[in-house]
Amino acid sequence: MEELEGKQTTLSQMQKLNETTPRRDKINEHYKRALRSYLDVTPTQETKETPKQSPFRSKRQLFPDAHEGPSGADIPEPEPAAQSSSGMKPARKRFRLCDIYERSFGEPPKCAHYAEGDVKALLKCAIAHGPNFVAYAEEHCVRFSNFSGKM
């Protein structure tokens, strides 16, 4: 503590120190990407499902039971985005609260990034997605006493 008190730093120096963006190691990212692609493909896999048979990966991850049985029938499946003329893959969906709200209701949330506005947006999304949201929340819940603050 004495080191911090004795150090003369200006506001601009502290702001510069606090606002630096951490850089990711390119080699580490390349290794992780290769490992993910390797783990997704298994040698025993014979035929891939067509897009009509296979739900979107994001929906499988968020709501694993949504594509099985009649419970997911009341939520319309989003149409797959077409590839652009340059042949590039379309951008991946973001799962920030404001993006989920905009996809669900067709308009951006009011008062986004403020506590009250974010809570209202989350509650509206929870109501809109109903049982799928409840199942996801129960599966991924963490008791407050077990929460360490870092994920």
N, C-alpha and C. Protein backbone atom coordinates (compact mmCIF):
# COMPACT_ATOMS: atom_id res chain seq x y z
N MET A 1 0.83 -1.19 0.00
CA MET A 1 0.00 0.00 0.00
C MET A 1 0.87 1.25 0.00
N GLU A 2 2.00 1.19 0.74
CA GLU A 2 2.87 2.36 0.78
C GLU A 2 3.46 2.66 -0.59
N GLU A 3 3.70 1.60 -1.39
CA GLU A 3 4.24 1.80 -2.73
C GLU A 3 3.27 2.61 -3.58
N LEU A 4 1.98 2.29 -3.45
CA LEU A 4 0.98 2.99 -4.24
C LEU A 4 0.82 4.44 -3.79
N GLU A 5 0.91 4.67 -2.48
CA GLU A 5 0.75 6.03 -1.97
C GLU A 5 1.93 6.91 -2.35
N GLY A 6 3.14 6.33 -2.37
CA GLY A 6 4.34 7.10 -2.68
C GLY A 6 4.50 7.39 -4.16
N LYS A 7 3.83 6.67 -5.00
CA LYS A 7 3.97 6.82 -6.45
C LYS A 7 3.12 7.99 -6.93
N GLN A 8 3.75 8.90 -7.66
CA GLN A 8 3.03 10.04 -8.21
C GLN A 8 2.57 9.69 -9.63
N THR A 9 1.28 9.50 -9.81
CA THR A 9 0.74 9.22 -11.13
C THR A 9 -0.36 10.22 -11.43
N THR A 10 -0.39 10.62 -12.65
CA THR A 10 -1.43 11.56 -13.06
C THR A 10 -2.67 10.78 -13.48
N LEU A 11 -3.74 11.50 -13.62
CA LEU A 11 -4.99 10.89 -14.04
C LEU A 11 -4.86 10.28 -15.43
N SER A 12 -4.18 10.98 -16.33
CA SER A 12 -4.03 10.46 -17.70
C SER A 12 -3.18 9.19 -17.71
N GLN A 13 -2.16 9.09 -16.84
CA GLN A 13 -1.36 7.86 -16.77
C GLN A 13 -2.19 6.70 -16.24
N MET A 14 -3.00 6.95 -15.22
CA MET A 14 -3.85 5.89 -14.68
C MET A 14 -4.90 5.46 -15.70
N GLN A 15 -5.46 6.43 -16.42
CA GLN A 15 -6.46 6.11 -17.44
C GLN A 15 -5.83 5.28 -18.55
N LYS A 16 -4.64 5.63 -18.98
CA LYS A 16 -3.94 4.88 -20.02
C LYS A 16 -3.65 3.46 -19.54
N LEU A 17 -3.24 3.31 -18.29
CA LEU A 17 -2.94 1.99 -17.73
C LEU A 17 -4.21 1.15 -17.63
N ASN A 18 -5.32 1.74 -17.21
CA ASN A 18 -6.57 1.00 -17.04
C ASN A 18 -7.25 0.66 -18.35
N GLU A 19 -7.05 1.46 -19.38
CA GLU A 19 -7.79 1.27 -20.62
C GLU A 19 -7.03 0.48 -21.69
N THR A 20 -5.92 -0.12 -21.34
CA THR A 20 -5.21 -0.93 -22.34
C THR A 20 -5.94 -2.24 -22.54
N THR A 21 -6.08 -2.63 -23.78
CA THR A 21 -6.78 -3.86 -24.13
C THR A 21 -5.79 -5.02 -24.09
N PRO A 22 -6.13 -6.10 -23.38
CA PRO A 22 -5.22 -7.25 -23.36
C PRO A 22 -5.12 -7.87 -24.75
N ARG A 23 -3.95 -8.31 -25.12
CA ARG A 23 -3.71 -8.95 -26.41
C ARG A 23 -3.68 -10.45 -26.23
N ARG A 24 -4.27 -11.17 -27.18
CA ARG A 24 -4.24 -12.63 -27.14
C ARG A 24 -3.07 -13.13 -27.97
N ASP A 25 -2.48 -14.19 -27.50
CA ASP A 25 -1.36 -14.79 -28.21
C ASP A 25 -1.88 -15.47 -29.47
N LYS A 26 -1.33 -15.10 -30.64
CA LYS A 26 -1.80 -15.66 -31.91
C LYS A 26 -1.57 -17.16 -31.98
N ILE A 27 -0.43 -17.64 -31.50
CA ILE A 27 -0.13 -19.07 -31.57
C ILE A 27 -1.13 -19.84 -30.71
N ASN A 28 -1.40 -19.35 -29.54
CA ASN A 28 -2.34 -20.01 -28.64
C ASN A 28 -3.73 -20.06 -29.27
N GLU A 29 -4.17 -18.97 -29.91
CA GLU A 29 -5.48 -18.95 -30.57
C GLU A 29 -5.53 -19.95 -31.72
N HIS A 30 -4.44 -20.03 -32.50
CA HIS A 30 -4.40 -20.97 -33.62
C HIS A 30 -4.50 -22.41 -33.10
N TYR A 31 -3.82 -22.70 -32.01
CA TYR A 31 -3.86 -24.03 -31.42
C TYR A 31 -5.27 -24.35 -30.92
N LYS A 32 -5.90 -23.41 -30.25
CA LYS A 32 -7.25 -23.63 -29.73
C LYS A 32 -8.25 -23.87 -30.87
N ARG A 33 -8.13 -23.07 -31.94
CA ARG A 33 -9.04 -23.22 -33.08
C ARG A 33 -8.87 -24.59 -33.72
N ALA A 34 -7.61 -25.03 -33.88
CA ALA A 34 -7.36 -26.34 -34.48
C ALA A 34 -7.89 -27.45 -33.58
N LEU A 35 -7.73 -27.32 -32.28
CA LEU A 35 -8.21 -28.33 -31.34
C LEU A 35 -9.73 -28.40 -31.36
N ARG A 36 -10.40 -27.25 -31.41
CA ARG A 36 -11.86 -27.25 -31.47
C ARG A 36 -12.37 -27.93 -32.73
N SER A 37 -11.74 -27.62 -33.85
CA SER A 37 -12.20 -28.24 -35.10
C SER A 37 -11.92 -29.73 -35.09
N TYR A 38 -10.83 -30.16 -34.47
CA TYR A 38 -10.51 -31.59 -34.39
C TYR A 38 -11.52 -32.32 -33.51
N LEU A 39 -11.89 -31.71 -32.39
CA LEU A 39 -12.80 -32.37 -31.46
C LEU A 39 -14.23 -32.42 -31.99
N ASP A 40 -14.62 -31.49 -32.85
CA ASP A 40 -15.96 -31.52 -33.43
C ASP A 40 -16.15 -32.67 -34.41
N VAL A 41 -15.10 -33.09 -35.08
CA VAL A 41 -15.19 -34.13 -36.09
C VAL A 41 -14.66 -35.43 -35.51
N THR A 42 -15.50 -36.46 -35.56
CA THR A 42 -15.07 -37.77 -35.07
C THR A 42 -14.91 -38.72 -36.25
N PRO A 43 -13.98 -39.70 -36.19
CA PRO A 43 -13.77 -40.60 -37.31
C PRO A 43 -14.95 -41.52 -37.58
N THR A 44 -15.81 -41.77 -36.58
CA THR A 44 -16.94 -42.68 -36.77
C THR A 44 -18.15 -41.98 -37.37
N GLN A 45 -18.06 -40.70 -37.55
CA GLN A 45 -19.18 -39.93 -38.08
C GLN A 45 -19.34 -40.27 -39.57
N GLU A 46 -20.51 -40.80 -39.95
CA GLU A 46 -20.70 -41.26 -41.32
C GLU A 46 -21.30 -40.18 -42.20
N THR A 47 -22.48 -39.70 -41.84
CA THR A 47 -23.12 -38.67 -42.65
C THR A 47 -23.51 -37.51 -41.77
N LYS A 48 -23.38 -36.34 -42.32
CA LYS A 48 -23.79 -35.15 -41.58
C LYS A 48 -25.27 -34.90 -41.82
N GLU A 49 -25.92 -34.31 -40.83
CA GLU A 49 -27.33 -33.97 -40.98
C GLU A 49 -27.46 -32.77 -41.91
N THR A 50 -28.55 -32.71 -42.62
CA THR A 50 -28.81 -31.55 -43.46
C THR A 50 -29.27 -30.41 -42.57
N PRO A 51 -29.20 -29.17 -43.05
CA PRO A 51 -29.62 -28.04 -42.20
C PRO A 51 -31.06 -28.15 -41.72
N LYS A 52 -31.94 -28.79 -42.49
CA LYS A 52 -33.33 -28.94 -42.04
C LYS A 52 -33.43 -29.90 -40.86
N GLN A 53 -32.53 -30.90 -40.79
CA GLN A 53 -32.58 -31.88 -39.71
C GLN A 53 -31.84 -31.38 -38.48
N SER A 54 -30.78 -30.64 -38.66
CA SER A 54 -29.93 -30.22 -37.55
C SER A 54 -30.30 -28.82 -37.10
N PRO A 55 -30.58 -28.64 -35.80
CA PRO A 55 -30.83 -27.29 -35.31
C PRO A 55 -29.53 -26.49 -35.30
N PHE A 56 -29.65 -25.19 -35.21
CA PHE A 56 -28.47 -24.35 -35.19
C PHE A 56 -27.65 -24.66 -33.95
N ARG A 57 -26.32 -24.57 -34.10
CA ARG A 57 -25.42 -24.90 -33.00
C ARG A 57 -25.70 -24.00 -31.80
N SER A 58 -25.95 -22.72 -32.02
CA SER A 58 -26.21 -21.81 -30.91
C SER A 58 -27.46 -22.21 -30.15
N LYS A 59 -28.51 -22.65 -30.87
CA LYS A 59 -29.73 -23.06 -30.20
C LYS A 59 -29.50 -24.36 -29.45
N ARG A 60 -28.71 -25.27 -30.03
CA ARG A 60 -28.41 -26.53 -29.33
C ARG A 60 -27.68 -26.24 -28.03
N GLN A 61 -26.77 -25.25 -28.05
CA GLN A 61 -26.00 -24.96 -26.85
C GLN A 61 -26.83 -24.25 -25.79
N LEU A 62 -27.66 -23.29 -26.20
CA LEU A 62 -28.44 -22.56 -25.21
C LEU A 62 -29.65 -23.33 -24.71
N PHE A 63 -30.37 -23.96 -25.63
CA PHE A 63 -31.57 -24.69 -25.28
C PHE A 63 -31.48 -26.09 -25.88
N PRO A 64 -30.77 -27.04 -25.21
CA PRO A 64 -30.53 -28.35 -25.82
C PRO A 64 -31.79 -29.16 -26.08
N ASP A 65 -32.85 -28.95 -25.31
CA ASP A 65 -34.06 -29.74 -25.51
C ASP A 65 -35.05 -29.06 -26.45
N ALA A 66 -34.73 -27.90 -26.95
CA ALA A 66 -35.68 -27.15 -27.77
C ALA A 66 -35.96 -27.83 -29.10
N HIS A 67 -34.99 -28.57 -29.64
CA HIS A 67 -35.20 -29.19 -30.94
C HIS A 67 -35.75 -30.59 -30.83
N GLU A 68 -35.98 -31.07 -29.61
CA GLU A 68 -36.54 -32.40 -29.42
C GLU A 68 -37.96 -32.26 -28.88
N GLY A 69 -38.88 -32.93 -29.46
CA GLY A 69 -40.24 -32.97 -28.95
C GLY A 69 -41.03 -31.72 -29.28
N PRO A 70 -42.28 -31.68 -28.83
CA PRO A 70 -43.18 -30.59 -29.18
C PRO A 70 -42.91 -29.30 -28.43
N SER A 71 -42.10 -29.31 -27.35
CA SER A 71 -41.92 -28.09 -26.57
C SER A 71 -41.25 -26.99 -27.37
N GLY A 72 -40.39 -27.33 -28.33
CA GLY A 72 -39.72 -26.32 -29.13
C GLY A 72 -40.52 -25.89 -30.33
N ALA A 73 -41.70 -26.49 -30.56
CA ALA A 73 -42.48 -26.20 -31.76
C ALA A 73 -43.10 -24.82 -31.72
N ASP A 74 -43.32 -24.26 -30.51
CA ASP A 74 -43.98 -22.97 -30.45
C ASP A 74 -43.01 -21.81 -30.68
N ILE A 75 -41.71 -22.07 -30.70
CA ILE A 75 -40.74 -21.02 -30.97
C ILE A 75 -40.26 -21.21 -32.41
N PRO A 76 -40.45 -20.22 -33.26
CA PRO A 76 -40.06 -20.39 -34.66
C PRO A 76 -38.55 -20.47 -34.81
N GLU A 77 -38.10 -21.35 -35.70
CA GLU A 77 -36.68 -21.49 -36.00
C GLU A 77 -36.25 -20.32 -36.87
N PRO A 78 -35.11 -19.68 -36.56
CA PRO A 78 -34.64 -18.62 -37.44
C PRO A 78 -34.15 -19.21 -38.75
N GLU A 79 -34.33 -18.44 -39.83
CA GLU A 79 -33.89 -18.93 -41.12
C GLU A 79 -32.38 -18.80 -41.21
N PRO A 80 -31.71 -19.78 -41.83
CA PRO A 80 -30.26 -19.69 -41.94
C PRO A 80 -29.86 -18.52 -42.84
N ALA A 81 -28.83 -17.82 -42.43
CA ALA A 81 -28.37 -16.68 -43.21
C ALA A 81 -27.63 -17.17 -44.45
N ALA A 82 -27.90 -16.55 -45.56
CA ALA A 82 -27.24 -16.95 -46.80
C ALA A 82 -25.81 -16.42 -46.81
N GLN A 83 -24.93 -17.15 -47.49
CA GLN A 83 -23.55 -16.71 -47.59
C GLN A 83 -23.49 -15.49 -48.49
N SER A 84 -22.54 -14.63 -48.21
CA SER A 84 -22.41 -13.43 -49.01
C SER A 84 -21.84 -13.77 -50.38
N SER A 85 -21.87 -12.80 -51.29
CA SER A 85 -21.41 -13.05 -52.65
C SER A 85 -19.92 -13.34 -52.71
N SER A 86 -19.16 -12.93 -51.71
CA SER A 86 -17.73 -13.19 -51.72
C SER A 86 -17.40 -14.59 -51.23
N GLY A 87 -18.39 -15.37 -50.82
CA GLY A 87 -18.16 -16.74 -50.38
C GLY A 87 -17.76 -16.84 -48.91
N MET A 88 -17.74 -15.74 -48.19
CA MET A 88 -17.36 -15.75 -46.78
C MET A 88 -18.52 -16.26 -45.94
N LYS A 89 -18.20 -16.87 -44.82
CA LYS A 89 -19.25 -17.32 -43.91
C LYS A 89 -19.92 -16.10 -43.29
N PRO A 90 -21.21 -16.18 -42.99
CA PRO A 90 -21.87 -15.05 -42.35
C PRO A 90 -21.35 -14.88 -40.92
N ALA A 91 -21.50 -13.68 -40.39
CA ALA A 91 -21.03 -13.40 -39.04
C ALA A 91 -21.78 -14.25 -38.02
N ARG A 92 -21.07 -14.66 -36.97
CA ARG A 92 -21.70 -15.46 -35.93
C ARG A 92 -22.63 -14.58 -35.10
N LYS A 93 -23.66 -15.20 -34.56
CA LYS A 93 -24.60 -14.46 -33.71
C LYS A 93 -23.91 -14.08 -32.41
N ARG A 94 -24.28 -12.92 -31.91
CA ARG A 94 -23.80 -12.50 -30.60
C ARG A 94 -24.88 -12.83 -29.59
N PHE A 95 -24.47 -13.13 -28.39
CA PHE A 95 -25.42 -13.47 -27.34
C PHE A 95 -25.35 -12.46 -26.20
N ARG A 96 -25.10 -11.21 -26.55
CA ARG A 96 -25.22 -10.15 -25.56
C ARG A 96 -26.70 -9.92 -25.33
N LEU A 97 -27.04 -9.42 -24.17
CA LEU A 97 -28.45 -9.21 -23.83
C LEU A 97 -29.15 -8.32 -24.84
N CYS A 98 -28.51 -7.23 -25.25
CA CYS A 98 -29.18 -6.32 -26.19
C CYS A 98 -29.39 -6.99 -27.55
N ASP A 99 -28.47 -7.89 -27.96
CA ASP A 99 -28.64 -8.59 -29.23
C ASP A 99 -29.75 -9.64 -29.15
N ILE A 100 -29.82 -10.37 -28.05
CA ILE A 100 -30.89 -11.35 -27.86
C ILE A 100 -32.24 -10.64 -27.84
N TYR A 101 -32.31 -9.51 -27.14
CA TYR A 101 -33.56 -8.74 -27.07
C TYR A 101 -33.97 -8.27 -28.46
N GLU A 102 -33.01 -7.77 -29.23
CA GLU A 102 -33.33 -7.27 -30.56
C GLU A 102 -33.79 -8.39 -31.49
N ARG A 103 -33.19 -9.58 -31.41
CA ARG A 103 -33.64 -10.71 -32.22
C ARG A 103 -35.02 -11.18 -31.79
N SER A 104 -35.32 -11.11 -30.50
CA SER A 104 -36.60 -11.59 -29.99
C SER A 104 -37.75 -10.63 -30.30
N PHE A 105 -37.49 -9.33 -30.19
CA PHE A 105 -38.58 -8.36 -30.29
C PHE A 105 -38.47 -7.43 -31.50
N GLY A 106 -37.39 -7.50 -32.24
CA GLY A 106 -37.25 -6.70 -33.45
C GLY A 106 -36.90 -5.24 -33.23
N GLU A 107 -36.56 -4.86 -32.02
CA GLU A 107 -36.16 -3.49 -31.74
C GLU A 107 -35.14 -3.50 -30.61
N PRO A 108 -34.25 -2.52 -30.55
CA PRO A 108 -33.27 -2.50 -29.47
C PRO A 108 -33.93 -2.18 -28.13
N PRO A 109 -33.37 -2.66 -27.03
CA PRO A 109 -33.97 -2.39 -25.72
C PRO A 109 -33.82 -0.92 -25.34
N LYS A 110 -34.77 -0.44 -24.56
CA LYS A 110 -34.70 0.93 -24.07
C LYS A 110 -33.81 0.94 -22.83
N CYS A 111 -33.04 1.98 -22.67
CA CYS A 111 -32.15 2.14 -21.51
C CYS A 111 -31.18 0.97 -21.37
N ALA A 112 -30.60 0.53 -22.48
CA ALA A 112 -29.65 -0.58 -22.42
C ALA A 112 -28.41 -0.16 -21.65
N HIS A 113 -27.80 -1.10 -20.98
CA HIS A 113 -26.57 -0.93 -20.21
C HIS A 113 -26.77 -0.10 -18.94
N TYR A 114 -28.01 0.03 -18.51
CA TYR A 114 -28.32 0.56 -17.20
C TYR A 114 -29.01 -0.55 -16.44
N ALA A 115 -28.80 -0.61 -15.13
CA ALA A 115 -29.29 -1.74 -14.34
C ALA A 115 -30.78 -1.99 -14.54
N GLU A 116 -31.58 -0.96 -14.40
CA GLU A 116 -33.03 -1.14 -14.51
C GLU A 116 -33.44 -1.58 -15.91
N GLY A 117 -32.86 -0.96 -16.93
CA GLY A 117 -33.18 -1.33 -18.30
C GLY A 117 -32.75 -2.75 -18.64
N ASP A 118 -31.57 -3.15 -18.15
CA ASP A 118 -31.10 -4.50 -18.42
C ASP A 118 -31.95 -5.55 -17.72
N VAL A 119 -32.39 -5.25 -16.50
CA VAL A 119 -33.24 -6.20 -15.78
C VAL A 119 -34.58 -6.36 -16.50
N LYS A 120 -35.15 -5.24 -16.95
CA LYS A 120 -36.42 -5.32 -17.69
C LYS A 120 -36.25 -6.11 -18.99
N ALA A 121 -35.14 -5.89 -19.70
CA ALA A 121 -34.89 -6.60 -20.95
C ALA A 121 -34.72 -8.10 -20.69
N LEU A 122 -33.99 -8.44 -19.63
CA LEU A 122 -33.79 -9.86 -19.29
C LEU A 122 -35.11 -10.53 -18.93
N LEU A 123 -35.95 -9.84 -18.15
CA LEU A 123 -37.25 -10.42 -17.79
C LEU A 123 -38.14 -10.60 -19.02
N LYS A 124 -38.13 -9.65 -19.94
CA LYS A 124 -38.94 -9.80 -21.16
C LYS A 124 -38.44 -10.97 -22.00
N CYS A 125 -37.11 -11.14 -22.09
CA CYS A 125 -36.55 -12.28 -22.84
C CYS A 125 -36.92 -13.59 -22.15
N ALA A 126 -36.86 -13.61 -20.82
CA ALA A 126 -37.20 -14.83 -20.09
C ALA A 126 -38.67 -15.19 -20.31
N ILE A 127 -39.54 -14.20 -20.31
CA ILE A 127 -40.96 -14.46 -20.55
C ILE A 127 -41.18 -14.94 -21.98
N ALA A 128 -40.48 -14.33 -22.93
CA ALA A 128 -40.66 -14.70 -24.34
C ALA A 128 -40.20 -16.12 -24.62
N HIS A 129 -39.11 -16.55 -23.98
CA HIS A 129 -38.57 -17.88 -24.25
C HIS A 129 -39.11 -18.94 -23.29
N GLY A 130 -39.81 -18.53 -22.26
CA GLY A 130 -40.55 -19.42 -21.37
C GLY A 130 -39.79 -20.61 -20.83
N PRO A 131 -40.32 -21.83 -21.07
CA PRO A 131 -39.74 -23.04 -20.48
C PRO A 131 -38.30 -23.30 -20.90
N ASN A 132 -37.94 -22.89 -22.11
CA ASN A 132 -36.55 -23.08 -22.54
C ASN A 132 -35.60 -22.27 -21.68
N PHE A 133 -35.98 -21.03 -21.35
CA PHE A 133 -35.14 -20.18 -20.52
C PHE A 133 -35.04 -20.75 -19.11
N VAL A 134 -36.15 -21.21 -18.57
CA VAL A 134 -36.14 -21.78 -17.21
C VAL A 134 -35.24 -23.01 -17.15
N ALA A 135 -35.35 -23.88 -18.15
CA ALA A 135 -34.51 -25.09 -18.18
C ALA A 135 -33.04 -24.71 -18.28
N TYR A 136 -32.71 -23.74 -19.12
CA TYR A 136 -31.33 -23.29 -19.26
C TYR A 136 -30.81 -22.69 -17.95
N ALA A 137 -31.62 -21.86 -17.30
CA ALA A 137 -31.21 -21.22 -16.05
C ALA A 137 -31.01 -22.24 -14.94
N GLU A 138 -31.89 -23.24 -14.85
CA GLU A 138 -31.73 -24.27 -13.82
C GLU A 138 -30.49 -25.11 -14.06
N GLU A 139 -30.19 -25.38 -15.32
CA GLU A 139 -29.03 -26.22 -15.64
C GLU A 139 -27.71 -25.49 -15.38
N HIS A 140 -27.68 -24.18 -15.59
CA HIS A 140 -26.43 -23.44 -15.50
C HIS A 140 -26.36 -22.53 -14.27
N CYS A 141 -27.22 -22.73 -13.31
CA CYS A 141 -27.23 -21.85 -12.15
C CYS A 141 -26.01 -22.10 -11.25
N VAL A 142 -25.61 -21.06 -10.52
CA VAL A 142 -24.52 -21.14 -9.56
C VAL A 142 -25.04 -20.50 -8.28
N ARG A 143 -24.90 -21.22 -7.17
CA ARG A 143 -25.34 -20.65 -5.90
C ARG A 143 -24.50 -19.41 -5.59
N PHE A 144 -25.13 -18.41 -5.01
CA PHE A 144 -24.42 -17.17 -4.71
C PHE A 144 -23.27 -17.43 -3.74
N SER A 145 -23.45 -18.36 -2.80
CA SER A 145 -22.38 -18.67 -1.85
C SER A 145 -21.20 -19.35 -2.52
N ASN A 146 -21.42 -19.98 -3.69
CA ASN A 146 -20.33 -20.65 -4.42
C ASN A 146 -19.69 -19.75 -5.47
N PHE A 147 -20.23 -18.57 -5.67
CA PHE A 147 -19.74 -17.68 -6.72
C PHE A 147 -18.45 -17.02 -6.26
N SER A 148 -17.38 -17.20 -7.03
CA SER A 148 -16.10 -16.64 -6.64
C SER A 148 -15.83 -15.29 -7.27
N GLY A 149 -16.62 -14.91 -8.25
CA GLY A 149 -16.42 -13.62 -8.89
C GLY A 149 -15.66 -13.72 -10.19
N LYS A 150 -14.98 -14.83 -10.43
CA LYS A 150 -14.24 -15.03 -11.68
C LYS A 150 -14.78 -16.27 -12.35
N MET A 151 -14.96 -16.16 -13.65
CA MET A 151 -15.48 -17.31 -14.39
C MET A 151 -14.42 -17.87 -15.27
